[in-house]
Amino acid sequence: MVAQKSAKQLFSVTLRVWRQAGPDASGQFVDYPATGVNPDMSFLELLDVVNDGLTVQGGEPIAFAHDCREGICGTCSCTINGKPHGPGHGIATCQLYMRSFADGDVIVVEPFRARAFPIQKDLVTDRSAFDRIQQAGGFISVRTGAAPDANSILVPKADADLAMDAAACIGCGACAAACKNASAMLFVAAKVSHLGLMPQGQPERNQRVLAMVQTMDEAGFGNCTNQYECSAVCPKNISHDFIARLNRDFFTATLRSAFKPTSAASGGGAG
């Protein structure tokens, strides 16, 4: 006779959550006890349960961002016990399960900390700086909407694989939140590299890297000092090797821009 599996052991934790009413308000940590925690609950499900309790009590629910809850959208950006997206490797906050914690744990939850990611409320930050960087150059002009167009330019498999690795970036911002300088270099490197590796991405290659790096600097992100905290917390395991590729592309584009002939020098100017 097969023995029945025992019920999952429920446990209790305390959430120490950063509460901030708005962008200009001062914030503080507030403790919330959570009992009857199922180890198979996701971290966001636990926040839902705590918020249900706060709502019943007439309190203000904890504001946090989420969408897909499948590790794709990148909006569930929280720092948990000092690490963006919490314990674990290659996962977003929504993929973190309570079995990663023990009974009686105090779990410190706060928003991503970076000057370019201003806090909107509680755990929600404004990460539109990443959108502006993407809009500055993260596009191509070559038509790719039809199969014949896609098949007309062959791509070496090694380049295609590397481009796909870079394209896995979901723009969550963990790289900047983990970096002591709040650098966005890993994000920019991924966006520049995945297009720069493709033949279709060559027409804008130099313009792309110059525009995206300039927009990154204007947004207030810091410089990279090669500590690699960024790749250590990336939920998509994007390698910091892409930063070296970005630096090479930026150096080449800067030289070409500096020595680009003027219209007069090339014979096209007025006599």
Protein backbone atom coordinates (compact mmCIF):
# COMPACT_ATOMS: atom_id res chain seq x y z
CA MET A 1 0.00 0.00 0.00
CA VAL A 2 1.41 3.41 -1.03
CA ALA A 3 1.61 5.85 1.87
CA GLN A 4 -0.19 9.16 1.55
CA LYS A 5 2.07 12.20 1.08
CA SER A 6 2.06 14.45 4.13
CA ALA A 7 0.57 17.92 3.83
CA LYS A 8 2.97 20.71 3.03
CA GLN A 9 4.38 22.34 6.12
CA LEU A 10 3.02 25.86 6.43
CA PHE A 11 5.18 28.49 8.07
CA SER A 12 5.32 32.15 9.03
CA VAL A 13 7.51 35.05 7.94
CA THR A 14 7.66 38.79 8.48
CA LEU A 15 7.76 41.11 5.48
CA ARG A 16 9.70 44.31 6.16
CA VAL A 17 8.43 46.44 3.27
CA TRP A 18 9.46 49.89 2.10
CA ARG A 19 6.39 52.15 2.18
CA GLN A 20 6.44 55.50 0.41
CA ALA A 21 3.26 57.39 -0.39
CA GLY A 22 4.61 59.18 -3.46
CA PRO A 23 7.69 60.39 -5.33
CA ASP A 24 8.21 63.40 -3.04
CA ALA A 25 7.23 61.72 0.22
CA SER A 26 9.65 60.29 2.77
CA GLY A 27 9.59 56.54 3.15
CA GLN A 28 10.14 53.95 5.85
CA PHE A 29 10.15 50.22 6.42
CA VAL A 30 6.99 48.70 7.89
CA ASP A 31 6.69 45.12 9.20
CA TYR A 32 3.84 42.84 8.14
CA PRO A 33 3.50 39.36 9.64
CA ALA A 34 2.43 36.62 7.23
CA THR A 35 1.18 33.33 8.65
CA GLY A 36 0.10 30.09 6.99
CA VAL A 37 2.60 30.56 4.18
CA ASN A 38 2.58 27.70 1.67
CA PRO A 39 6.12 26.96 0.42
CA ASP A 40 4.76 26.61 -3.12
CA MET A 41 3.39 30.16 -3.15
CA SER A 42 5.22 32.63 -5.35
CA PHE A 43 6.52 35.76 -3.69
CA LEU A 44 3.98 37.91 -5.53
CA GLU A 45 1.19 35.61 -4.34
CA LEU A 46 2.34 36.26 -0.78
CA LEU A 47 2.18 40.01 -1.43
CA ASP A 48 -1.37 39.47 -2.72
CA VAL A 49 -2.32 37.67 0.50
CA VAL A 50 -0.80 40.40 2.67
CA ASN A 51 -2.62 43.05 0.62
CA ASP A 52 -5.92 41.19 1.01
CA GLY A 53 -5.43 41.33 4.77
CA LEU A 54 -4.59 45.02 4.68
CA THR A 55 -7.68 45.74 2.58
CA VAL A 56 -9.95 43.88 5.02
CA GLN A 57 -8.43 45.88 7.88
CA GLY A 58 -9.00 49.14 6.02
CA GLY A 59 -5.29 49.69 5.43
CA GLU A 60 -3.44 50.84 2.31
CA PRO A 61 -2.30 47.88 0.17
CA ILE A 62 1.37 47.63 -0.75
CA ALA A 63 1.90 49.00 -4.26
CA PHE A 64 4.02 46.75 -6.46
CA ALA A 65 4.31 46.33 -10.21
CA HIS A 66 3.57 43.12 -12.10
CA ASP A 67 2.06 41.94 -15.36
CA CYS A 68 2.83 38.55 -16.86
CA ARG A 69 4.02 36.75 -13.69
CA GLU A 70 5.94 34.45 -16.02
CA GLY A 71 9.37 36.09 -15.96
CA ILE A 72 8.86 37.77 -19.33
CA CYS A 73 7.69 41.35 -18.83
CA GLY A 74 10.30 42.52 -16.31
CA THR A 75 7.93 44.71 -14.32
CA CYS A 76 8.06 42.75 -11.02
CA SER A 77 11.21 44.56 -9.98
CA CYS A 78 11.86 44.28 -6.24
CA THR A 79 15.01 44.05 -4.16
CA ILE A 80 14.62 41.22 -1.66
CA ASN A 81 17.09 40.85 1.20
CA GLY A 82 19.48 43.16 -0.61
CA LYS A 83 19.43 41.37 -3.96
CA PRO A 84 17.41 42.42 -7.02
CA HIS A 85 14.76 39.74 -7.62
CA GLY A 86 15.82 38.01 -4.40
CA PRO A 87 17.60 34.70 -3.81
CA GLY A 88 17.97 32.29 -6.68
CA HIS A 89 19.68 32.51 -10.04
CA GLY A 90 18.23 33.40 -13.41
CA ILE A 91 14.75 34.25 -12.11
CA ALA A 92 12.58 37.34 -11.82
CA THR A 93 10.70 38.24 -8.64
CA CYS A 94 7.54 36.57 -9.93
CA GLN A 95 9.44 33.28 -10.27
CA LEU A 96 10.65 33.34 -6.67
CA TYR A 97 8.86 30.82 -4.42
CA MET A 98 8.46 30.90 -0.68
CA ARG A 99 10.29 27.58 -0.31
CA SER A 100 13.42 29.72 -0.66
CA PHE A 101 12.76 31.05 2.84
CA ALA A 102 12.53 29.47 6.30
CA ASP A 103 10.03 29.70 9.13
CA GLY A 104 10.53 32.90 11.10
CA ASP A 105 12.52 34.72 8.42
CA VAL A 106 12.37 38.50 8.22
CA ILE A 107 12.28 39.34 4.51
CA VAL A 108 13.30 42.88 3.59
CA VAL A 109 11.54 44.12 0.46
CA GLU A 110 12.35 47.43 -1.21
CA PRO A 111 12.22 48.99 -4.67
CA PHE A 112 15.11 49.05 -7.11
CA ARG A 113 17.46 51.82 -6.02
CA ALA A 114 18.91 53.95 -8.82
CA ARG A 115 18.76 57.69 -9.45
CA ALA A 116 17.40 57.04 -12.93
CA PHE A 117 14.58 54.90 -11.44
CA PRO A 118 12.63 57.36 -9.24
CA ILE A 119 10.24 55.75 -6.78
CA GLN A 120 6.58 56.32 -7.62
CA LYS A 121 5.01 54.54 -4.66
CA ASP A 122 6.17 51.79 -2.29
CA LEU A 123 7.85 49.17 -4.51
CA VAL A 124 6.97 50.81 -7.84
CA THR A 125 9.67 52.72 -9.70
CA ASP A 126 9.61 54.70 -12.93
CA ARG A 127 11.88 52.79 -15.33
CA SER A 128 10.96 54.81 -18.40
CA ALA A 129 14.64 55.75 -18.74
CA PHE A 130 15.12 52.30 -20.28
CA ASP A 131 12.32 53.05 -22.74
CA ARG A 132 14.05 56.26 -23.81
CA ILE A 133 17.33 54.41 -24.37
CA GLN A 134 15.55 51.82 -26.48
CA GLN A 135 13.74 54.48 -28.49
CA ALA A 136 17.03 56.27 -29.18
CA GLY A 137 18.38 53.47 -31.34
CA GLY A 138 16.92 50.05 -30.63
CA PHE A 139 15.42 49.53 -34.06
CA ILE A 140 16.33 48.63 -37.65
CA SER A 141 15.11 49.99 -40.98
CA VAL A 142 15.36 46.75 -42.98
CA ARG A 143 12.02 45.06 -43.69
CA THR A 144 11.63 41.83 -41.74
CA GLY A 145 7.87 41.33 -41.89
CA ALA A 146 7.73 38.66 -44.58
CA ALA A 147 9.40 35.27 -44.86
CA PRO A 148 11.05 36.00 -48.25
CA ASP A 149 12.67 39.09 -46.73
CA ALA A 150 13.91 37.10 -43.75
CA ASN A 151 15.37 34.39 -45.97
CA SER A 152 17.13 36.77 -48.37
CA ILE A 153 20.00 37.47 -45.95
CA LEU A 154 21.67 34.47 -44.37
CA VAL A 155 22.90 34.77 -40.79
CA PRO A 156 25.75 32.61 -39.43
CA LYS A 157 24.43 30.38 -36.67
CA ALA A 158 27.03 31.53 -34.16
CA ASP A 159 25.95 35.14 -34.65
CA ALA A 160 22.27 34.20 -34.50
CA ASP A 161 22.76 32.30 -31.24
CA LEU A 162 24.70 35.16 -29.67
CA ALA A 163 22.11 37.68 -30.83
CA MET A 164 19.36 35.59 -29.27
CA ASP A 165 21.28 35.49 -25.99
CA ALA A 166 21.39 39.30 -25.97
CA ALA A 167 17.78 39.64 -27.10
CA ALA A 168 16.65 37.72 -24.01
CA CYS A 169 16.95 40.96 -22.01
CA ILE A 170 13.56 41.93 -20.56
CA GLY A 171 14.62 45.41 -19.42
CA CYS A 172 13.76 44.79 -15.79
CA GLY A 173 16.53 47.05 -14.43
CA ALA A 174 18.10 44.54 -12.04
CA CYS A 175 21.51 45.24 -13.57
CA ALA A 176 21.34 48.94 -12.66
CA ALA A 177 19.86 48.22 -9.23
CA ALA A 178 22.67 45.80 -8.36
CA CYS A 179 25.51 48.00 -9.61
CA LYS A 180 27.12 50.26 -7.00
CA ASN A 181 27.28 52.93 -9.71
CA ALA A 182 23.73 52.27 -10.96
CA SER A 183 25.18 51.55 -14.40
CA ALA A 184 22.90 50.49 -17.25
CA MET A 185 25.74 49.15 -19.36
CA LEU A 186 24.50 45.55 -19.41
CA PHE A 187 21.06 46.63 -20.61
CA VAL A 188 22.47 48.90 -23.31
CA ALA A 189 25.04 46.28 -24.31
CA ALA A 190 22.34 43.67 -24.78
CA LYS A 191 20.15 45.99 -26.87
CA VAL A 192 23.05 47.21 -29.00
CA SER A 193 24.56 43.75 -29.47
CA HIS A 194 21.50 41.79 -30.48
CA LEU A 195 20.87 44.18 -33.38
CA GLY A 196 24.54 44.77 -34.19
CA LEU A 197 25.14 41.05 -34.63
CA MET A 198 22.51 40.81 -37.35
CA PRO A 199 23.16 41.81 -40.99
CA GLN A 200 19.85 43.67 -40.90
CA GLY A 201 21.17 45.81 -38.05
CA GLN A 202 24.22 47.17 -39.86
CA PRO A 203 22.80 50.35 -41.52
CA GLU A 204 22.19 52.02 -38.12
CA ARG A 205 25.00 50.29 -36.23
CA ASN A 206 27.22 53.32 -35.56
CA GLN A 207 24.34 55.73 -35.06
CA ARG A 208 22.62 53.25 -32.76
CA VAL A 209 25.43 52.80 -30.25
CA LEU A 210 26.24 56.52 -30.08
CA ALA A 211 22.59 57.51 -29.55
CA MET A 212 21.85 54.84 -26.96
CA VAL A 213 24.98 55.53 -24.91
CA GLN A 214 24.30 59.27 -25.01
CA THR A 215 20.72 58.72 -23.85
CA MET A 216 21.96 56.41 -21.09
CA ASP A 217 24.32 59.10 -19.82
CA GLU A 218 21.64 61.78 -20.01
CA ALA A 219 19.29 59.61 -17.93
CA GLY A 220 21.75 59.70 -15.02
CA PHE A 221 23.07 56.14 -14.99
CA GLY A 222 26.59 55.67 -13.64
CA ASN A 223 29.71 54.26 -15.24
CA CYS A 224 30.68 50.60 -15.43
CA THR A 225 33.63 49.58 -13.25
CA ASN A 226 33.59 45.89 -14.19
CA GLN A 227 32.35 44.48 -10.88
CA TYR A 228 29.83 42.25 -12.71
CA GLU A 229 27.05 42.56 -10.14
CA CYS A 230 24.85 43.17 -13.19
CA SER A 231 25.28 39.77 -14.80
CA ALA A 232 25.12 38.04 -11.40
CA VAL A 233 21.52 39.19 -10.84
CA CYS A 234 20.25 39.19 -14.42
CA PRO A 235 17.10 37.03 -14.57
CA LYS A 236 18.00 36.02 -18.12
CA ASN A 237 21.67 35.26 -17.37
CA ILE A 238 22.95 37.78 -19.91
CA SER A 239 26.73 37.76 -19.91
CA HIS A 240 28.81 40.81 -19.08
CA ASP A 241 30.88 39.89 -22.15
CA PHE A 242 28.36 41.96 -24.11
CA ILE A 243 29.67 45.06 -22.32
CA ALA A 244 33.06 44.52 -23.97
CA ARG A 245 31.29 44.26 -27.33
CA LEU A 246 29.45 47.51 -26.58
CA ASN A 247 32.71 49.27 -25.72
CA ARG A 248 34.30 48.13 -28.98
CA ASP A 249 31.28 49.27 -31.00
CA PHE A 250 31.21 52.63 -29.22
CA PHE A 251 34.94 53.21 -29.78
CA THR A 252 34.66 52.34 -33.48
CA ALA A 253 31.56 54.49 -33.96
CA THR A 254 33.20 57.43 -32.17
CA LEU A 255 36.27 57.25 -34.43
CA ARG A 256 34.19 57.00 -37.57
CA SER A 257 32.07 59.93 -36.46
CA ALA A 258 35.14 62.04 -35.68
CA PHE A 259 36.80 61.37 -39.02
CA LYS A 260 33.65 61.42 -41.14
CA PRO A 261 34.36 63.63 -44.17
CA THR A 262 32.28 66.79 -44.52
CA SER A 263 30.22 67.42 -47.61
CA ALA A 264 32.71 70.07 -48.79
CA ALA A 265 35.68 67.75 -48.32
CA SER A 266 33.92 65.03 -50.26
CA GLY A 267 33.25 67.33 -53.19
CA GLY A 268 29.58 67.95 -52.48
CA GLY A 269 29.86 71.42 -50.94
CA ALA A 270 29.29 74.78 -52.48
CA GLY A 271 32.13 76.19 -54.62
